[in-house]
Amino acid sequence: MELVTPGIGLIFWQTLTLSVILLFLIAWVMILVTNRLDATHKILWLIGTMFLPFIGPVIFFIKYSSFKKPATTLK
């Protein structure tokens, strides 16, 4: 009996698909859990990540670091 091994292309696409799904799920959990966003912004981020499944979460993670910084006050 001969074992059939998947090609490198199949492994690549499966890995890419899994990473996009994980990014999407992590972004949604972080959006729903954060207290820094009001309801309107949460809905907008959820819609944005839903319609842009790879780029949306990446943009959210870049912007999320600025959510944690305290607001600077001008003196």
PDB file of N, CA and C in Angstrom:
ATOM      1  N   MET A   1       0.843  -1.170   0.000  1.00  0.00           N
ATOM      2  CA  MET A   1       0.000   0.000   0.000  1.00  0.00           C
ATOM      3  C   MET A   1       0.896   1.243   0.000  1.00  0.00           C
ATOM      4  N   GLU A   2       0.553   2.182  -0.844  1.00  0.00           N
ATOM      5  CA  GLU A   2       1.352   3.396  -0.990  1.00  0.00           C
ATOM      6  C   GLU A   2       0.652   4.560  -0.302  1.00  0.00           C
ATOM      7  N   LEU A   3       1.393   5.301   0.501  1.00  0.00           N
ATOM      8  CA  LEU A   3       0.842   6.477   1.151  1.00  0.00           C
ATOM      9  C   LEU A   3       0.887   7.660   0.194  1.00  0.00           C
ATOM     10  N   VAL A   4      -0.153   8.446   0.239  1.00  0.00           N
ATOM     11  CA  VAL A   4      -0.214   9.625  -0.617  1.00  0.00           C
ATOM     12  C   VAL A   4       0.083  10.833   0.256  1.00  0.00           C
ATOM     13  N   THR A   5       1.109  11.579  -0.112  1.00  0.00           N
ATOM     14  CA  THR A   5       1.452  12.776   0.651  1.00  0.00           C
ATOM     15  C   THR A   5       0.943  14.004  -0.094  1.00  0.00           C
ATOM     16  N   PRO A   6       0.459  15.002   0.647  1.00  0.00           N
ATOM     17  CA  PRO A   6      -0.035  16.202  -0.023  1.00  0.00           C
ATOM     18  C   PRO A   6       1.126  17.013  -0.599  1.00  0.00           C
ATOM     19  N   GLY A   7       0.842  17.705  -1.660  1.00  0.00           N
ATOM     20  CA  GLY A   7       1.853  18.546  -2.284  1.00  0.00           C
ATOM     21  C   GLY A   7       2.140  19.779  -1.445  1.00  0.00           C
ATOM     22  N   ILE A   8       3.232  20.444  -1.752  1.00  0.00           N
ATOM     23  CA  ILE A   8       3.636  21.621  -0.997  1.00  0.00           C
ATOM     24  C   ILE A   8       2.616  22.755  -1.177  1.00  0.00           C
ATOM     25  N   GLY A   9       1.989  22.822  -2.319  1.00  0.00           N
ATOM     26  CA  GLY A   9       0.982  23.855  -2.564  1.00  0.00           C
ATOM     27  C   GLY A   9      -0.225  23.696  -1.652  1.00  0.00           C
ATOM     28  N   LEU A  10      -0.670  22.459  -1.465  1.00  0.00           N
ATOM     29  CA  LEU A  10      -1.798  22.195  -0.589  1.00  0.00           C
ATOM     30  C   LEU A  10      -1.463  22.545   0.856  1.00  0.00           C
ATOM     31  N   ILE A  11      -0.275  22.190   1.288  1.00  0.00           N
ATOM     32  CA  ILE A  11       0.150  22.510   2.654  1.00  0.00           C
ATOM     33  C   ILE A  11       0.222  24.020   2.840  1.00  0.00           C
ATOM     34  N   PHE A  12       0.756  24.722   1.843  1.00  0.00           N
ATOM     35  CA  PHE A  12       0.844  26.186   1.911  1.00  0.00           C
ATOM     36  C   PHE A  12      -0.529  26.820   2.059  1.00  0.00           C
ATOM     37  N   TRP A  13      -1.495  26.427   1.218  1.00  0.00           N
ATOM     38  CA  TRP A  13      -2.823  27.034   1.261  1.00  0.00           C
ATOM     39  C   TRP A  13      -3.576  26.680   2.532  1.00  0.00           C
ATOM     40  N   GLN A  14      -3.388  25.475   3.038  1.00  0.00           N
ATOM     41  CA  GLN A  14      -4.026  25.103   4.298  1.00  0.00           C
ATOM     42  C   GLN A  14      -3.464  25.915   5.459  1.00  0.00           C
ATOM     43  N   THR A  15      -2.154  26.116   5.481  1.00  0.00           N
ATOM     44  CA  THR A  15      -1.525  26.921   6.519  1.00  0.00           C
ATOM     45  C   THR A  15      -1.984  28.368   6.429  1.00  0.00           C
ATOM     46  N   LEU A  16      -2.045  28.910   5.225  1.00  0.00           N
ATOM     47  CA  LEU A  16      -2.505  30.284   5.032  1.00  0.00           C
ATOM     48  C   LEU A  16      -3.960  30.447   5.467  1.00  0.00           C
ATOM     49  N   THR A  17      -4.805  29.508   5.109  1.00  0.00           N
ATOM     50  CA  THR A  17      -6.214  29.562   5.487  1.00  0.00           C
ATOM     51  C   THR A  17      -6.384  29.475   7.001  1.00  0.00           C
ATOM     52  N   LEU A  18      -5.658  28.587   7.634  1.00  0.00           N
ATOM     53  CA  LEU A  18      -5.731  28.449   9.083  1.00  0.00           C
ATOM     54  C   LEU A  18      -5.258  29.716   9.788  1.00  0.00           C
ATOM     55  N   SER A  19      -4.186  30.330   9.295  1.00  0.00           N
ATOM     56  CA  SER A  19      -3.689  31.551   9.931  1.00  0.00           C
ATOM     57  C   SER A  19      -4.670  32.704   9.757  1.00  0.00           C
ATOM     58  N   VAL A  20      -5.331  32.804   8.616  1.00  0.00           N
ATOM     59  CA  VAL A  20      -6.329  33.860   8.401  1.00  0.00           C
ATOM     60  C   VAL A  20      -7.520  33.650   9.332  1.00  0.00           C
ATOM     61  N   ILE A  21      -7.966  32.423   9.493  1.00  0.00           N
ATOM     62  CA  ILE A  21      -9.084  32.128  10.395  1.00  0.00           C
ATOM     63  C   ILE A  21      -8.708  32.462  11.834  1.00  0.00           C
ATOM     64  N   LEU A  22      -7.490  32.111  12.252  1.00  0.00           N
ATOM     65  CA  LEU A  22      -7.049  32.429  13.608  1.00  0.00           C
ATOM     66  C   LEU A  22      -6.942  33.940  13.825  1.00  0.00           C
ATOM     67  N   LEU A  23      -6.381  34.657  12.858  1.00  0.00           N
ATOM     68  CA  LEU A  23      -6.315  36.123  12.960  1.00  0.00           C
ATOM     69  C   LEU A  23      -7.707  36.717  13.104  1.00  0.00           C
ATOM     70  N   PHE A  24      -8.631  36.233  12.301  1.00  0.00           N
ATOM     71  CA  PHE A  24     -10.008  36.715  12.320  1.00  0.00           C
ATOM     72  C   PHE A  24     -10.653  36.485  13.683  1.00  0.00           C
ATOM     73  N   LEU A  25     -10.520  35.281  14.210  1.00  0.00           N
ATOM     74  CA  LEU A  25     -11.140  34.954  15.498  1.00  0.00           C
ATOM     75  C   LEU A  25     -10.512  35.727  16.655  1.00  0.00           C
ATOM     76  N   ILE A  26      -9.186  35.843  16.655  1.00  0.00           N
ATOM     77  CA  ILE A  26      -8.514  36.601  17.710  1.00  0.00           C
ATOM     78  C   ILE A  26      -8.913  38.065  17.658  1.00  0.00           C
ATOM     79  N   ALA A  27      -8.999  38.622  16.463  1.00  0.00           N
ATOM     80  CA  ALA A  27      -9.410  40.025  16.323  1.00  0.00           C
ATOM     81  C   ALA A  27     -10.832  40.222  16.836  1.00  0.00           C
ATOM     82  N   TRP A  28     -11.748  39.311  16.495  1.00  0.00           N
ATOM     83  CA  TRP A  28     -13.127  39.457  16.963  1.00  0.00           C
ATOM     84  C   TRP A  28     -13.217  39.382  18.479  1.00  0.00           C
ATOM     85  N   VAL A  29     -12.490  38.462  19.090  1.00  0.00           N
ATOM     86  CA  VAL A  29     -12.510  38.357  20.555  1.00  0.00           C
ATOM     87  C   VAL A  29     -11.955  39.631  21.176  1.00  0.00           C
ATOM     88  N   MET A  30     -10.852  40.136  20.636  1.00  0.00           N
ATOM     89  CA  MET A  30     -10.262  41.357  21.183  1.00  0.00           C
ATOM     90  C   MET A  30     -11.186  42.554  21.003  1.00  0.00           C
ATOM     91  N   ILE A  31     -11.875  42.640  19.874  1.00  0.00           N
ATOM     92  CA  ILE A  31     -12.812  43.743  19.640  1.00  0.00           C
ATOM     93  C   ILE A  31     -13.958  43.674  20.639  1.00  0.00           C
ATOM     94  N   LEU A  32     -14.495  42.483  20.849  1.00  0.00           N
ATOM     95  CA  LEU A  32     -15.643  42.344  21.737  1.00  0.00           C
ATOM     96  C   LEU A  32     -15.282  42.531  23.213  1.00  0.00           C
ATOM     97  N   VAL A  33     -14.048  42.228  23.591  1.00  0.00           N
ATOM     98  CA  VAL A  33     -13.655  42.285  24.991  1.00  0.00           C
ATOM     99  C   VAL A  33     -13.164  43.674  25.415  1.00  0.00           C
ATOM    100  N   THR A  34     -12.593  44.440  24.489  1.00  0.00           N
ATOM    101  CA  THR A  34     -11.967  45.702  24.863  1.00  0.00           C
ATOM    102  C   THR A  34     -12.994  46.721  25.382  1.00  0.00           C
ATOM    103  N   ASN A  35     -12.559  47.495  26.361  1.00  0.00           N
ATOM    104  CA  ASN A  35     -13.406  48.547  26.924  1.00  0.00           C
ATOM    105  C   ASN A  35     -13.080  49.906  26.328  1.00  0.00           C
ATOM    106  N   ARG A  36     -12.060  49.987  25.513  1.00  0.00           N
ATOM    107  CA  ARG A  36     -11.625  51.256  24.935  1.00  0.00           C
ATOM    108  C   ARG A  36     -12.504  51.704  23.765  1.00  0.00           C
ATOM    109  N   LEU A  37     -13.299  50.812  23.226  1.00  0.00           N
ATOM    110  CA  LEU A  37     -14.148  51.139  22.084  1.00  0.00           C
ATOM    111  C   LEU A  37     -15.600  51.239  22.520  1.00  0.00           C
ATOM    112  N   ASP A  38     -16.305  52.216  21.980  1.00  0.00           N
ATOM    113  CA  ASP A  38     -17.740  52.274  22.244  1.00  0.00           C
ATOM    114  C   ASP A  38     -18.462  51.324  21.277  1.00  0.00           C
ATOM    115  N   ALA A  39     -19.749  51.189  21.443  1.00  0.00           N
ATOM    116  CA  ALA A  39     -20.515  50.200  20.670  1.00  0.00           C
ATOM    117  C   ALA A  39     -20.454  50.464  19.171  1.00  0.00           C
ATOM    118  N   THR A  40     -20.509  51.719  18.772  1.00  0.00           N
ATOM    119  CA  THR A  40     -20.470  52.049  17.343  1.00  0.00           C
ATOM    120  C   THR A  40     -19.147  51.631  16.722  1.00  0.00           C
ATOM    121  N   HIS A  41     -18.053  51.942  17.394  1.00  0.00           N
ATOM    122  CA  HIS A  41     -16.741  51.568  16.860  1.00  0.00           C
ATOM    123  C   HIS A  41     -16.539  50.051  16.864  1.00  0.00           C
ATOM    124  N   LYS A  42     -17.086  49.364  17.848  1.00  0.00           N
ATOM    125  CA  LYS A  42     -16.996  47.902  17.862  1.00  0.00           C
ATOM    126  C   LYS A  42     -17.701  47.309  16.651  1.00  0.00           C
ATOM    127  N   ILE A  43     -18.893  47.809  16.361  1.00  0.00           N
ATOM    128  CA  ILE A  43     -19.644  47.298  15.211  1.00  0.00           C
ATOM    129  C   ILE A  43     -18.892  47.584  13.917  1.00  0.00           C
ATOM    130  N   LEU A  44     -18.325  48.782  13.807  1.00  0.00           N
ATOM    131  CA  LEU A  44     -17.565  49.114  12.605  1.00  0.00           C
ATOM    132  C   LEU A  44     -16.337  48.218  12.440  1.00  0.00           C
ATOM    133  N   TRP A  45     -15.632  47.952  13.531  1.00  0.00           N
ATOM    134  CA  TRP A  45     -14.472  47.060  13.452  1.00  0.00           C
ATOM    135  C   TRP A  45     -14.899  45.634  13.110  1.00  0.00           C
ATOM    136  N   LEU A  46     -16.008  45.173  13.676  1.00  0.00           N
ATOM    137  CA  LEU A  46     -16.480  43.819  13.363  1.00  0.00           C
ATOM    138  C   LEU A  46     -16.848  43.692  11.889  1.00  0.00           C
ATOM    139  N   ILE A  47     -17.538  44.696  11.361  1.00  0.00           N
ATOM    140  CA  ILE A  47     -17.909  44.681   9.939  1.00  0.00           C
ATOM    141  C   ILE A  47     -16.666  44.766   9.062  1.00  0.00           C
ATOM    142  N   GLY A  48     -15.728  45.644   9.457  1.00  0.00           N
ATOM    143  CA  GLY A  48     -14.495  45.788   8.674  1.00  0.00           C
ATOM    144  C   GLY A  48     -13.671  44.523   8.628  1.00  0.00           C
ATOM    145  N   THR A  49     -13.562  43.833   9.759  1.00  0.00           N
ATOM    146  CA  THR A  49     -12.799  42.582   9.765  1.00  0.00           C
ATOM    147  C   THR A  49     -13.543  41.457   9.065  1.00  0.00           C
ATOM    148  N   MET A  50     -14.870  41.550   9.025  1.00  0.00           N
ATOM    149  CA  MET A  50     -15.640  40.513   8.351  1.00  0.00           C
ATOM    150  C   MET A  50     -15.494  40.639   6.829  1.00  0.00           C
ATOM    151  N   PHE A  51     -15.524  41.863   6.314  1.00  0.00           N
ATOM    152  CA  PHE A  51     -15.448  42.046   4.861  1.00  0.00           C
ATOM    153  C   PHE A  51     -14.020  42.080   4.329  1.00  0.00           C
ATOM    154  N   LEU A  52     -13.050  42.325   5.202  1.00  0.00           N
ATOM    155  CA  LEU A  52     -11.640  42.269   4.822  1.00  0.00           C
ATOM    156  C   LEU A  52     -10.956  41.254   5.737  1.00  0.00           C
ATOM    157  N   PRO A  53     -11.132  39.952   5.469  1.00  0.00           N
ATOM    158  CA  PRO A  53     -10.744  38.932   6.436  1.00  0.00           C
ATOM    159  C   PRO A  53      -9.261  38.865   6.769  1.00  0.00           C
ATOM    160  N   PHE A  54      -8.362  39.276   5.928  1.00  0.00           N
ATOM    161  CA  PHE A  54      -6.948  39.252   6.285  1.00  0.00           C
ATOM    162  C   PHE A  54      -6.448  40.647   6.638  1.00  0.00           C
ATOM    163  N   ILE A  55      -6.779  41.617   5.818  1.00  0.00           N
ATOM    164  CA  ILE A  55      -6.272  42.975   6.020  1.00  0.00           C
ATOM    165  C   ILE A  55      -6.969  43.644   7.203  1.00  0.00           C
ATOM    166  N   GLY A  56      -8.247  43.370   7.411  1.00  0.00           N
ATOM    167  CA  GLY A  56      -8.986  43.977   8.511  1.00  0.00           C
ATOM    168  C   GLY A  56      -8.386  43.673   9.881  1.00  0.00           C
ATOM    169  N   PRO A  57      -8.144  42.406  10.221  1.00  0.00           N
ATOM    170  CA  PRO A  57      -7.513  42.110  11.507  1.00  0.00           C
ATOM    171  C   PRO A  57      -6.102  42.694  11.637  1.00  0.00           C
ATOM    172  N   VAL A  58      -5.343  42.699  10.545  1.00  0.00           N
ATOM    173  CA  VAL A  58      -3.993  43.269  10.605  1.00  0.00           C
ATOM    174  C   VAL A  58      -4.075  44.763  10.929  1.00  0.00           C
ATOM    175  N   ILE A  59      -4.986  45.472  10.281  1.00  0.00           N
ATOM    176  CA  ILE A  59      -5.168  46.896  10.571  1.00  0.00           C
ATOM    177  C   ILE A  59      -5.632  47.079  12.015  1.00  0.00           C
ATOM    178  N   PHE A  60      -6.531  46.208  12.473  1.00  0.00           N
ATOM    179  CA  PHE A  60      -6.994  46.311  13.856  1.00  0.00           C
ATOM    180  C   PHE A  60      -5.842  46.124  14.837  1.00  0.00           C
ATOM    181  N   PHE A  61      -4.972  45.139  14.604  1.00  0.00           N
ATOM    182  CA  PHE A  61      -3.858  44.901  15.523  1.00  0.00           C
ATOM    183  C   PHE A  61      -2.894  46.085  15.531  1.00  0.00           C
ATOM    184  N   ILE A  62      -2.710  46.723  14.393  1.00  0.00           N
ATOM    185  CA  ILE A  62      -1.854  47.908  14.340  1.00  0.00           C
ATOM    186  C   ILE A  62      -2.496  49.042  15.121  1.00  0.00           C
ATOM    187  N   LYS A  63      -3.789  49.248  14.942  1.00  0.00           N
ATOM    188  CA  LYS A  63      -4.497  50.318  15.646  1.00  0.00           C
ATOM    189  C   LYS A  63      -4.716  49.988  17.122  1.00  0.00           C
ATOM    190  N   TYR A  64      -4.793  48.718  17.475  1.00  0.00           N
ATOM    191  CA  TYR A  64      -5.091  48.325  18.851  1.00  0.00           C
ATOM    192  C   TYR A  64      -4.010  48.791  19.815  1.00  0.00           C
ATOM    193  N   SER A  65      -2.786  48.849  19.355  1.00  0.00           N
ATOM    194  CA  SER A  65      -1.720  49.322  20.241  1.00  0.00           C
ATOM    195  C   SER A  65      -1.953  50.781  20.631  1.00  0.00           C
ATOM    196  N   SER A  66      -2.569  51.566  19.762  1.00  0.00           N
ATOM    197  CA  SER A  66      -2.856  52.959  20.111  1.00  0.00           C
ATOM    198  C   SER A  66      -4.081  53.069  21.031  1.00  0.00           C
ATOM    199  N   PHE A  67      -4.924  52.032  21.106  1.00  0.00           N
ATOM    200  CA  PHE A  67      -6.063  52.056  22.024  1.00  0.00           C
ATOM    201  C   PHE A  67      -5.591  52.001  23.475  1.00  0.00           C
ATOM    202  N   LYS A  68      -4.480  51.323  23.727  1.00  0.00           N
ATOM    203  CA  LYS A  68      -3.995  51.128  25.082  1.00  0.00           C
ATOM    204  C   LYS A  68      -3.253  52.346  25.627  1.00  0.00           C
ATOM    205  N   LYS A  69      -2.734  53.188  24.736  1.00  0.00           N
ATOM    206  CA  LYS A  69      -1.973  54.343  25.198  1.00  0.00           C
ATOM    207  C   LYS A  69      -2.915  55.365  25.812  1.00  0.00           C
ATOM    208  N   PRO A  70      -2.524  55.949  26.928  1.00  0.00           N
ATOM    209  CA  PRO A  70      -3.368  56.980  27.522  1.00  0.00           C
ATOM    210  C   PRO A  70      -3.398  58.227  26.650  1.00  0.00           C
ATOM    211  N   ALA A  71      -4.485  58.924  26.714  1.00  0.00           N
ATOM    212  CA  ALA A  71      -4.644  60.143  25.919  1.00  0.00           C
ATOM    213  C   ALA A  71      -3.664  61.204  26.437  1.00  0.00           C
ATOM    214  N   THR A  72      -2.998  61.833  25.516  1.00  0.00           N
ATOM    215  CA  THR A  72      -2.048  62.883  25.915  1.00  0.00           C
ATOM    216  C   THR A  72      -2.791  64.189  26.073  1.00  0.00           C
ATOM    217  N   THR A  73      -2.398  64.937  27.078  1.00  0.00           N
ATOM    218  CA  THR A  73      -3.025  66.222  27.317  1.00  0.00           C
ATOM    219  C   THR A  73      -2.057  67.323  26.928  1.00  0.00           C
ATOM    220  N   LEU A  74      -2.582  68.329  26.303  1.00  0.00           N
ATOM    221  CA  LEU A  74      -1.775  69.465  25.891  1.00  0.00           C
ATOM    222  C   LEU A  74      -1.754  70.483  27.011  1.00  0.00           C
ATOM    223  N   LYS A  75      -0.562  70.977  27.320  1.00  0.00           N
ATOM    224  CA  LYS A  75      -0.431  71.975  28.377  1.00  0.00           C
ATOM    225  C   LYS A  75      -0.041  73.306  27.812  1.00  0.00           C
TER     226      LYS A  75
END
